[in-house]
Amino acid sequence: MKIDHGDYDVYNNSRIIHGTNIEIDYSVYYKRDCDISDLIQMSAKDVERFRNKSIANENKAYEKVLQALSEWEKEALITQRHNRALNYLNTPPIEHTSNKWVDAKYDYKERSNMVYFMQYRIYKRQARHGMLKWDVSWTVRTQRAPGQAALVLGNQEKTYSSQEAAEKYIQNRIAEYDHLFTEISPVIADVDKYPFCVNGVLLPGYTTVSMQKAIDEKKPSIKGQLNELKSQTKNNSTTEPTKKKSAPELE
């Protein structure tokens, strides 16, 4: 950005990226030859002395700029924390099919929940000599939050000479991974939680193995509840006073 100051121009190309970066690019130029008539009447030594004084004043102004940058960096770190929190809070829920198979693009079929995703396709084509082939491809991976990488659990491509063989193969693969698609949000192994983290924090709705273990430990066990109930029943029976038998009534 050019700023006109009459005899000279200032070019300010500085910018700020809040929370991360400041670039200072500030230049000053005379538009034309400046008046140096008073200076050339002095000796070179005197002019050099005045110049050194001017440079010292420049350095003081520069130190003030650096001091201001030192103040900015503290605020920038606070802004960065706010940005990360907003990034987490504004992350949309991961879309899924509630473990149901649905049709997708390019003739793929997909099923998914909050944690896992599976897709497959059987592609019929004509090979050389007019023979028909069925290409089967499938992938099982985790879902992922934006900016994170998914974990691939398995994938493969195979070719069969009959549709029946292709269907049998893919149905076996589907059955192999059926256990991943019985819940909407299956428990995640601790080492596999990172695809579901934003800025190091696990997204809401997800549970790791260690989290589930902590929950289970807080729950009273059924055996413990039965023992407590037996203990209460026993205490009640021992504290209840025994009734004395009355003499039989005469008719």
C-alpha atoms as a PDB file:
ATOM      1  CA  MET A   1       0.000   0.000   0.000  1.00  0.00           C
ATOM      2  CA  LYS A   2       1.382   3.382  -1.061  1.00  0.00           C
ATOM      3  CA  ILE A   3       0.964   6.398   1.247  1.00  0.00           C
ATOM      4  CA  ASP A   4       1.655   9.865  -0.147  1.00  0.00           C
ATOM      5  CA  HIS A   5       3.442  12.199   2.278  1.00  0.00           C
ATOM      6  CA  GLY A   6       4.084  15.057  -0.133  1.00  0.00           C
ATOM      7  CA  ASP A   7       7.829  15.075  -0.697  1.00  0.00           C
ATOM      8  CA  TYR A   8       8.144  11.366  -0.022  1.00  0.00           C
ATOM      9  CA  ASP A   9       6.160   8.149  -0.309  1.00  0.00           C
ATOM     10  CA  VAL A  10       5.774   5.307   2.159  1.00  0.00           C
ATOM     11  CA  TYR A  11       5.170   1.759   0.949  1.00  0.00           C
ATOM     12  CA  ASN A  12       3.542  -0.386   3.604  1.00  0.00           C
ATOM     13  CA  ASN A  13       3.233  -4.052   2.641  1.00  0.00           C
ATOM     14  CA  SER A  14       3.002  -5.278   6.231  1.00  0.00           C
ATOM     15  CA  ARG A  15       0.327  -7.805   7.188  1.00  0.00           C
ATOM     16  CA  ILE A  16      -0.885  -9.814  10.125  1.00  0.00           C
ATOM     17  CA  ILE A  17      -2.176 -13.374  10.192  1.00  0.00           C
ATOM     18  CA  HIS A  18      -3.892 -13.448  13.557  1.00  0.00           C
ATOM     19  CA  GLY A  19      -2.500 -16.027  15.903  1.00  0.00           C
ATOM     20  CA  THR A  20       0.492 -17.027  13.800  1.00  0.00           C
ATOM     21  CA  ASN A  21       2.384 -14.416  11.841  1.00  0.00           C
ATOM     22  CA  ILE A  22       3.290 -10.742  11.409  1.00  0.00           C
ATOM     23  CA  GLU A  23       5.250  -9.489   8.402  1.00  0.00           C
ATOM     24  CA  ILE A  24       6.729  -5.988   8.585  1.00  0.00           C
ATOM     25  CA  ASP A  25       7.638  -4.523   5.197  1.00  0.00           C
ATOM     26  CA  TYR A  26       7.811  -0.747   5.506  1.00  0.00           C
ATOM     27  CA  SER A  27       9.785   1.405   3.059  1.00  0.00           C
ATOM     28  CA  VAL A  28      10.295   5.150   2.644  1.00  0.00           C
ATOM     29  CA  TYR A  29      11.558   6.997  -0.449  1.00  0.00           C
ATOM     30  CA  TYR A  30      11.975  10.609  -1.528  1.00  0.00           C
ATOM     31  CA  LYS A  31       9.952  11.313  -4.630  1.00  0.00           C
ATOM     32  CA  ARG A  32      12.700  13.479  -6.133  1.00  0.00           C
ATOM     33  CA  ASP A  33      16.070  14.907  -5.167  1.00  0.00           C
ATOM     34  CA  CYS A  34      15.897  16.121  -1.592  1.00  0.00           C
ATOM     35  CA  ASP A  35      17.380  19.399  -0.323  1.00  0.00           C
ATOM     36  CA  ILE A  36      20.860  18.756   1.059  1.00  0.00           C
ATOM     37  CA  SER A  37      22.141  22.335   0.680  1.00  0.00           C
ATOM     38  CA  ASP A  38      22.626  22.813   4.434  1.00  0.00           C
ATOM     39  CA  LEU A  39      24.521  19.548   4.826  1.00  0.00           C
ATOM     40  CA  ILE A  40      27.006  20.077   2.061  1.00  0.00           C
ATOM     41  CA  GLN A  41      28.180  23.226   3.797  1.00  0.00           C
ATOM     42  CA  MET A  42      29.526  21.016   6.603  1.00  0.00           C
ATOM     43  CA  SER A  43      32.537  18.772   6.708  1.00  0.00           C
ATOM     44  CA  ALA A  44      32.097  15.090   5.910  1.00  0.00           C
ATOM     45  CA  LYS A  45      33.016  14.280   9.510  1.00  0.00           C
ATOM     46  CA  ASP A  46      30.217  16.488  10.861  1.00  0.00           C
ATOM     47  CA  VAL A  47      27.670  15.024   8.428  1.00  0.00           C
ATOM     48  CA  GLU A  48      28.761  11.515   9.419  1.00  0.00           C
ATOM     49  CA  ARG A  49      28.289  12.416  13.085  1.00  0.00           C
ATOM     50  CA  PHE A  50      24.744  13.658  12.409  1.00  0.00           C
ATOM     51  CA  ARG A  51      24.035  10.552  10.344  1.00  0.00           C
ATOM     52  CA  ASN A  52      25.162   8.280  13.176  1.00  0.00           C
ATOM     53  CA  LYS A  53      22.825  10.139  15.523  1.00  0.00           C
ATOM     54  CA  SER A  54      19.971   9.608  13.076  1.00  0.00           C
ATOM     55  CA  ILE A  55      20.819   5.894  12.830  1.00  0.00           C
ATOM     56  CA  ALA A  56      20.775   5.655  16.634  1.00  0.00           C
ATOM     57  CA  ASN A  57      17.291   7.183  16.649  1.00  0.00           C
ATOM     58  CA  GLU A  58      16.234   4.683  13.983  1.00  0.00           C
ATOM     59  CA  ASN A  59      17.474   1.866  16.182  1.00  0.00           C
ATOM     60  CA  LYS A  60      15.434   3.200  19.123  1.00  0.00           C
ATOM     61  CA  ALA A  61      12.318   3.252  16.967  1.00  0.00           C
ATOM     62  CA  TYR A  62      13.141  -0.270  15.749  1.00  0.00           C
ATOM     63  CA  GLU A  63      13.495  -1.516  19.322  1.00  0.00           C
ATOM     64  CA  LYS A  64      10.032  -0.157  20.044  1.00  0.00           C
ATOM     65  CA  VAL A  65       8.707  -2.143  17.088  1.00  0.00           C
ATOM     66  CA  LEU A  66      10.362  -5.303  18.438  1.00  0.00           C
ATOM     67  CA  GLN A  67       8.908  -4.620  21.879  1.00  0.00           C
ATOM     68  CA  ALA A  68       5.472  -4.312  20.335  1.00  0.00           C
ATOM     69  CA  LEU A  69       6.039  -7.648  18.554  1.00  0.00           C
ATOM     70  CA  SER A  70       6.941  -9.227  21.876  1.00  0.00           C
ATOM     71  CA  GLU A  71       3.590  -8.071  23.240  1.00  0.00           C
ATOM     72  CA  TRP A  72       1.859  -9.356  20.098  1.00  0.00           C
ATOM     73  CA  GLU A  73       3.294 -12.882  20.401  1.00  0.00           C
ATOM     74  CA  LYS A  74       1.642 -13.368  23.801  1.00  0.00           C
ATOM     75  CA  GLU A  75      -1.716 -12.328  22.406  1.00  0.00           C
ATOM     76  CA  ALA A  76      -1.138 -14.428  19.303  1.00  0.00           C
ATOM     77  CA  LEU A  77      -0.766 -17.571  21.421  1.00  0.00           C
ATOM     78  CA  ILE A  78      -4.067 -16.798  23.148  1.00  0.00           C
ATOM     79  CA  THR A  79      -5.735 -16.278  19.767  1.00  0.00           C
ATOM     80  CA  GLN A  80      -4.257 -19.564  18.583  1.00  0.00           C
ATOM     81  CA  ARG A  81      -5.816 -21.422  21.531  1.00  0.00           C
ATOM     82  CA  HIS A  82      -9.151 -19.819  20.732  1.00  0.00           C
ATOM     83  CA  ASN A  83      -8.794 -20.824  17.081  1.00  0.00           C
ATOM     84  CA  ARG A  84      -8.083 -24.415  18.047  1.00  0.00           C
ATOM     85  CA  ALA A  85     -11.037 -24.551  20.417  1.00  0.00           C
ATOM     86  CA  LEU A  86     -13.336 -23.149  17.722  1.00  0.00           C
ATOM     87  CA  ASN A  87     -11.927 -25.631  15.232  1.00  0.00           C
ATOM     88  CA  TYR A  88     -12.900 -28.436  17.613  1.00  0.00           C
ATOM     89  CA  LEU A  89     -16.326 -27.005  18.462  1.00  0.00           C
ATOM     90  CA  ASN A  90     -17.190 -26.326  14.806  1.00  0.00           C
ATOM     91  CA  THR A  91     -16.153 -29.755  13.525  1.00  0.00           C
ATOM     92  CA  PRO A  92     -19.270 -31.325  11.979  1.00  0.00           C
ATOM     93  CA  PRO A  93     -20.307 -34.848  12.980  1.00  0.00           C
ATOM     94  CA  ILE A  94     -18.884 -37.586  10.762  1.00  0.00           C
ATOM     95  CA  GLU A  95     -21.542 -38.762   8.331  1.00  0.00           C
ATOM     96  CA  HIS A  96     -22.402 -42.450   8.233  1.00  0.00           C
ATOM     97  CA  THR A  97     -25.084 -44.897   7.072  1.00  0.00           C
ATOM     98  CA  SER A  98     -25.976 -46.365  10.496  1.00  0.00           C
ATOM     99  CA  ASN A  99     -24.398 -49.698   9.448  1.00  0.00           C
ATOM    100  CA  LYS A 100     -26.771 -50.071   6.484  1.00  0.00           C
ATOM    101  CA  TRP A 101     -25.600 -50.781   2.947  1.00  0.00           C
ATOM    102  CA  VAL A 102     -26.312 -47.922   0.541  1.00  0.00           C
ATOM    103  CA  ASP A 103     -25.558 -47.248  -3.118  1.00  0.00           C
ATOM    104  CA  ALA A 104     -22.711 -44.788  -3.736  1.00  0.00           C
ATOM    105  CA  LYS A 105     -20.914 -43.241  -6.699  1.00  0.00           C
ATOM    106  CA  TYR A 106     -19.337 -45.336  -9.453  1.00  0.00           C
ATOM    107  CA  ASP A 107     -21.486 -48.383  -8.589  1.00  0.00           C
ATOM    108  CA  TYR A 108     -19.907 -48.793  -5.153  1.00  0.00           C
ATOM    109  CA  LYS A 109     -21.852 -50.010  -2.167  1.00  0.00           C
ATOM    110  CA  GLU A 110     -21.016 -48.597   1.253  1.00  0.00           C
ATOM    111  CA  ARG A 111     -21.821 -49.082   4.898  1.00  0.00           C
ATOM    112  CA  SER A 112     -20.484 -47.113   7.818  1.00  0.00           C
ATOM    113  CA  ASN A 113     -20.901 -45.998  11.384  1.00  0.00           C
ATOM    114  CA  MET A 114     -19.155 -43.280  13.399  1.00  0.00           C
ATOM    115  CA  VAL A 115     -15.926 -45.288  13.511  1.00  0.00           C
ATOM    116  CA  TYR A 116     -15.701 -47.665  10.538  1.00  0.00           C
ATOM    117  CA  PHE A 117     -16.320 -47.498   6.793  1.00  0.00           C
ATOM    118  CA  MET A 118     -16.531 -50.312   4.229  1.00  0.00           C
ATOM    119  CA  GLN A 119     -17.123 -50.177   0.487  1.00  0.00           C
ATOM    120  CA  TYR A 120     -16.988 -52.637  -2.383  1.00  0.00           C
ATOM    121  CA  ARG A 121     -17.703 -52.861  -6.082  1.00  0.00           C
ATOM    122  CA  ILE A 122     -18.151 -55.701  -8.541  1.00  0.00           C
ATOM    123  CA  TYR A 123     -17.358 -54.494 -12.045  1.00  0.00           C
ATOM    124  CA  LYS A 124     -18.348 -56.584 -15.048  1.00  0.00           C
ATOM    125  CA  ARG A 125     -16.160 -56.175 -18.141  1.00  0.00           C
ATOM    126  CA  GLN A 126     -15.335 -57.912 -21.375  1.00  0.00           C
ATOM    127  CA  ALA A 127     -11.772 -59.180 -21.596  1.00  0.00           C
ATOM    128  CA  ARG A 128      -9.825 -60.252 -24.644  1.00  0.00           C
ATOM    129  CA  HIS A 129     -11.384 -62.922 -26.860  1.00  0.00           C
ATOM    130  CA  GLY A 130     -14.817 -61.837 -25.665  1.00  0.00           C
ATOM    131  CA  MET A 131     -14.526 -63.461 -22.248  1.00  0.00           C
ATOM    132  CA  LEU A 132     -16.421 -61.839 -19.367  1.00  0.00           C
ATOM    133  CA  LYS A 133     -14.617 -60.950 -16.161  1.00  0.00           C
ATOM    134  CA  TRP A 134     -15.821 -59.653 -12.805  1.00  0.00           C
ATOM    135  CA  ASP A 135     -13.400 -57.340 -10.992  1.00  0.00           C
ATOM    136  CA  VAL A 136     -13.955 -57.121  -7.251  1.00  0.00           C
ATOM    137  CA  SER A 137     -12.467 -54.343  -5.117  1.00  0.00           C
ATOM    138  CA  TRP A 138     -13.103 -53.578  -1.478  1.00  0.00           C
ATOM    139  CA  THR A 139     -11.761 -51.420   1.341  1.00  0.00           C
ATOM    140  CA  VAL A 140     -12.298 -51.282   5.087  1.00  0.00           C
ATOM    141  CA  ARG A 141     -10.963 -48.254   6.951  1.00  0.00           C
ATOM    142  CA  THR A 142     -11.750 -46.001   9.842  1.00  0.00           C
ATOM    143  CA  GLN A 143     -13.665 -42.789   9.462  1.00  0.00           C
ATOM    144  CA  ARG A 144     -11.726 -39.588  10.141  1.00  0.00           C
ATOM    145  CA  ALA A 145     -12.108 -36.037  11.328  1.00  0.00           C
ATOM    146  CA  PRO A 146     -11.190 -33.264   8.844  1.00  0.00           C
ATOM    147  CA  GLY A 147      -7.429 -32.992   8.470  1.00  0.00           C
ATOM    148  CA  GLN A 148      -6.752 -36.433   9.925  1.00  0.00           C
ATOM    149  CA  ALA A 149      -5.710 -39.611   8.120  1.00  0.00           C
ATOM    150  CA  ALA A 150      -7.867 -42.719   8.162  1.00  0.00           C
ATOM    151  CA  LEU A 151      -6.465 -46.094   9.220  1.00  0.00           C
ATOM    152  CA  VAL A 152      -6.828 -48.736   6.499  1.00  0.00           C
ATOM    153  CA  LEU A 153      -7.802 -52.091   7.993  1.00  0.00           C
ATOM    154  CA  GLY A 154      -7.905 -54.039   4.748  1.00  0.00           C
ATOM    155  CA  ASN A 155      -8.315 -53.742   0.980  1.00  0.00           C
ATOM    156  CA  GLN A 156      -7.917 -55.952  -2.054  1.00  0.00           C
ATOM    157  CA  GLU A 157      -8.693 -56.299  -5.758  1.00  0.00           C
ATOM    158  CA  LYS A 158      -9.436 -59.640  -7.376  1.00  0.00           C
ATOM    159  CA  THR A 159     -10.789 -60.864 -10.724  1.00  0.00           C
ATOM    160  CA  TYR A 160     -13.156 -63.785 -11.261  1.00  0.00           C
ATOM    161  CA  SER A 161     -14.505 -65.511 -14.326  1.00  0.00           C
ATOM    162  CA  SER A 162     -18.044 -65.806 -12.951  1.00  0.00           C
ATOM    163  CA  GLN A 163     -20.402 -63.529 -11.096  1.00  0.00           C
ATOM    164  CA  GLU A 164     -21.181 -66.263  -8.584  1.00  0.00           C
ATOM    165  CA  ALA A 165     -17.513 -66.572  -7.581  1.00  0.00           C
ATOM    166  CA  ALA A 166     -17.180 -62.798  -7.284  1.00  0.00           C
ATOM    167  CA  GLU A 167     -20.298 -62.566  -5.119  1.00  0.00           C
ATOM    168  CA  LYS A 168     -19.133 -65.424  -2.892  1.00  0.00           C
ATOM    169  CA  TYR A 169     -15.751 -63.762  -2.359  1.00  0.00           C
ATOM    170  CA  ILE A 170     -17.163 -60.377  -1.401  1.00  0.00           C
ATOM    171  CA  GLN A 171     -19.795 -61.889   0.893  1.00  0.00           C
ATOM    172  CA  ASN A 172     -17.012 -63.677   2.769  1.00  0.00           C
ATOM    173  CA  ARG A 173     -15.161 -60.357   3.168  1.00  0.00           C
ATOM    174  CA  ILE A 174     -18.344 -58.690   4.381  1.00  0.00           C
ATOM    175  CA  ALA A 175     -18.867 -61.434   6.967  1.00  0.00           C
ATOM    176  CA  GLU A 176     -15.236 -61.087   8.066  1.00  0.00           C
ATOM    177  CA  TYR A 177     -15.810 -57.452   9.073  1.00  0.00           C
ATOM    178  CA  ASP A 178     -19.431 -57.690  10.224  1.00  0.00           C
ATOM    179  CA  HIS A 179     -18.349 -57.352  13.861  1.00  0.00           C
ATOM    180  CA  LEU A 180     -17.280 -53.755  13.192  1.00  0.00           C
ATOM    181  CA  PHE A 181     -20.763 -52.759  12.103  1.00  0.00           C
ATOM    182  CA  THR A 182     -23.011 -53.764  14.989  1.00  0.00           C
ATOM    183  CA  GLU A 183     -22.978 -50.424  16.848  1.00  0.00           C
ATOM    184  CA  ILE A 184     -23.251 -46.800  15.816  1.00  0.00           C
ATOM    185  CA  SER A 185     -20.157 -45.800  17.827  1.00  0.00           C
ATOM    186  CA  PRO A 186     -17.979 -48.838  18.604  1.00  0.00           C
ATOM    187  CA  VAL A 187     -15.291 -48.548  21.268  1.00  0.00           C
ATOM    188  CA  ILE A 188     -11.931 -47.502  19.784  1.00  0.00           C
ATOM    189  CA  ALA A 189      -8.516 -48.879  20.702  1.00  0.00           C
ATOM    190  CA  ASP A 190      -6.489 -46.162  22.428  1.00  0.00           C
ATOM    191  CA  VAL A 191      -3.796 -46.238  19.713  1.00  0.00           C
ATOM    192  CA  ASP A 192      -6.455 -45.796  16.997  1.00  0.00           C
ATOM    193  CA  LYS A 193      -8.153 -42.702  18.419  1.00  0.00           C
ATOM    194  CA  TYR A 194      -6.232 -40.064  16.452  1.00  0.00           C
ATOM    195  CA  PRO A 195      -8.451 -40.088  13.321  1.00  0.00           C
ATOM    196  CA  PHE A 196     -11.238 -38.913  15.641  1.00  0.00           C
ATOM    197  CA  CYS A 197      -9.276 -36.174  17.401  1.00  0.00           C
ATOM    198  CA  VAL A 198      -9.202 -32.482  16.588  1.00  0.00           C
ATOM    199  CA  ASN A 199      -6.213 -30.618  18.028  1.00  0.00           C
ATOM    200  CA  GLY A 200      -5.462 -33.620  20.209  1.00  0.00           C
ATOM    201  CA  VAL A 201      -8.944 -33.837  21.772  1.00  0.00           C
ATOM    202  CA  LEU A 202     -11.294 -36.764  21.114  1.00  0.00           C
ATOM    203  CA  LEU A 203     -14.524 -35.676  19.434  1.00  0.00           C
ATOM    204  CA  PRO A 204     -17.793 -36.064  21.368  1.00  0.00           C
ATOM    205  CA  GLY A 205     -19.596 -39.371  20.964  1.00  0.00           C
ATOM    206  CA  TYR A 206     -16.438 -41.503  20.846  1.00  0.00           C
ATOM    207  CA  THR A 207     -15.152 -43.866  23.527  1.00  0.00           C
ATOM    208  CA  THR A 208     -11.727 -45.451  23.809  1.00  0.00           C
ATOM    209  CA  VAL A 209     -10.923 -48.760  25.502  1.00  0.00           C
ATOM    210  CA  SER A 210      -9.382 -46.997  28.518  1.00  0.00           C
ATOM    211  CA  MET A 211     -12.404 -44.700  28.817  1.00  0.00           C
ATOM    212  CA  GLN A 212     -14.779 -47.673  28.700  1.00  0.00           C
ATOM    213  CA  LYS A 213     -12.700 -49.501  31.306  1.00  0.00           C
ATOM    214  CA  ALA A 214     -12.935 -46.513  33.643  1.00  0.00           C
ATOM    215  CA  ILE A 215     -16.709 -46.419  33.150  1.00  0.00           C
ATOM    216  CA  ASP A 216     -17.040 -50.145  33.842  1.00  0.00           C
ATOM    217  CA  GLU A 217     -14.962 -49.881  37.013  1.00  0.00           C
ATOM    218  CA  LYS A 218     -17.327 -47.280  38.396  1.00  0.00           C
ATOM    219  CA  LYS A 219     -20.359 -49.506  37.797  1.00  0.00           C
ATOM    220  CA  PRO A 220     -21.261 -51.785  40.706  1.00  0.00           C
ATOM    221  CA  SER A 221     -21.087 -55.422  39.622  1.00  0.00           C
ATOM    222  CA  ILE A 222     -24.194 -57.635  39.680  1.00  0.00           C
ATOM    223  CA  LYS A 223     -22.389 -60.054  42.013  1.00  0.00           C
ATOM    224  CA  GLY A 224     -21.576 -57.204  44.378  1.00  0.00           C
ATOM    225  CA  GLN A 225     -25.186 -56.021  44.332  1.00  0.00           C
ATOM    226  CA  LEU A 226     -26.441 -59.547  45.135  1.00  0.00           C
ATOM    227  CA  ASN A 227     -23.965 -59.910  47.996  1.00  0.00           C
ATOM    228  CA  GLU A 228     -25.033 -56.556  49.396  1.00  0.00           C
ATOM    229  CA  LEU A 229     -28.693 -57.561  49.129  1.00  0.00           C
ATOM    230  CA  LYS A 230     -27.991 -60.862  50.943  1.00  0.00           C
ATOM    231  CA  SER A 231     -26.096 -59.007  53.647  1.00  0.00           C
ATOM    232  CA  GLN A 232     -28.984 -56.587  54.189  1.00  0.00           C
ATOM    233  CA  THR A 233     -31.480 -59.463  54.312  1.00  0.00           C
ATOM    234  CA  LYS A 234     -29.340 -61.309  56.864  1.00  0.00           C
ATOM    235  CA  ASN A 235     -28.975 -58.218  59.064  1.00  0.00           C
ATOM    236  CA  ASN A 236     -32.713 -57.627  58.990  1.00  0.00           C
ATOM    237  CA  SER A 237     -33.446 -61.206  59.998  1.00  0.00           C
ATOM    238  CA  THR A 238     -31.044 -61.130  62.987  1.00  0.00           C
ATOM    239  CA  THR A 239     -32.321 -57.845  64.373  1.00  0.00           C
ATOM    240  CA  GLU A 240     -36.021 -58.737  64.120  1.00  0.00           C
ATOM    241  CA  PRO A 241     -37.361 -59.766  67.604  1.00  0.00           C
ATOM    242  CA  THR A 242     -38.688 -63.304  67.948  1.00  0.00           C
ATOM    243  CA  LYS A 243     -42.336 -63.694  68.872  1.00  0.00           C
ATOM    244  CA  LYS A 244     -43.233 -65.685  72.009  1.00  0.00           C
ATOM    245  CA  LYS A 245     -45.726 -68.468  71.563  1.00  0.00           C
ATOM    246  CA  SER A 246     -48.955 -67.847  73.413  1.00  0.00           C
ATOM    247  CA  ALA A 247     -50.696 -70.516  75.419  1.00  0.00           C
ATOM    248  CA  PRO A 248     -53.366 -72.431  73.490  1.00  0.00           C
ATOM    249  CA  GLU A 249     -56.827 -71.062  73.995  1.00  0.00           C
ATOM    250  CA  LEU A 250     -59.406 -73.289  75.632  1.00  0.00           C
ATOM    251  CA  GLU A 251     -62.555 -73.885  73.688  1.00  0.00           C
END
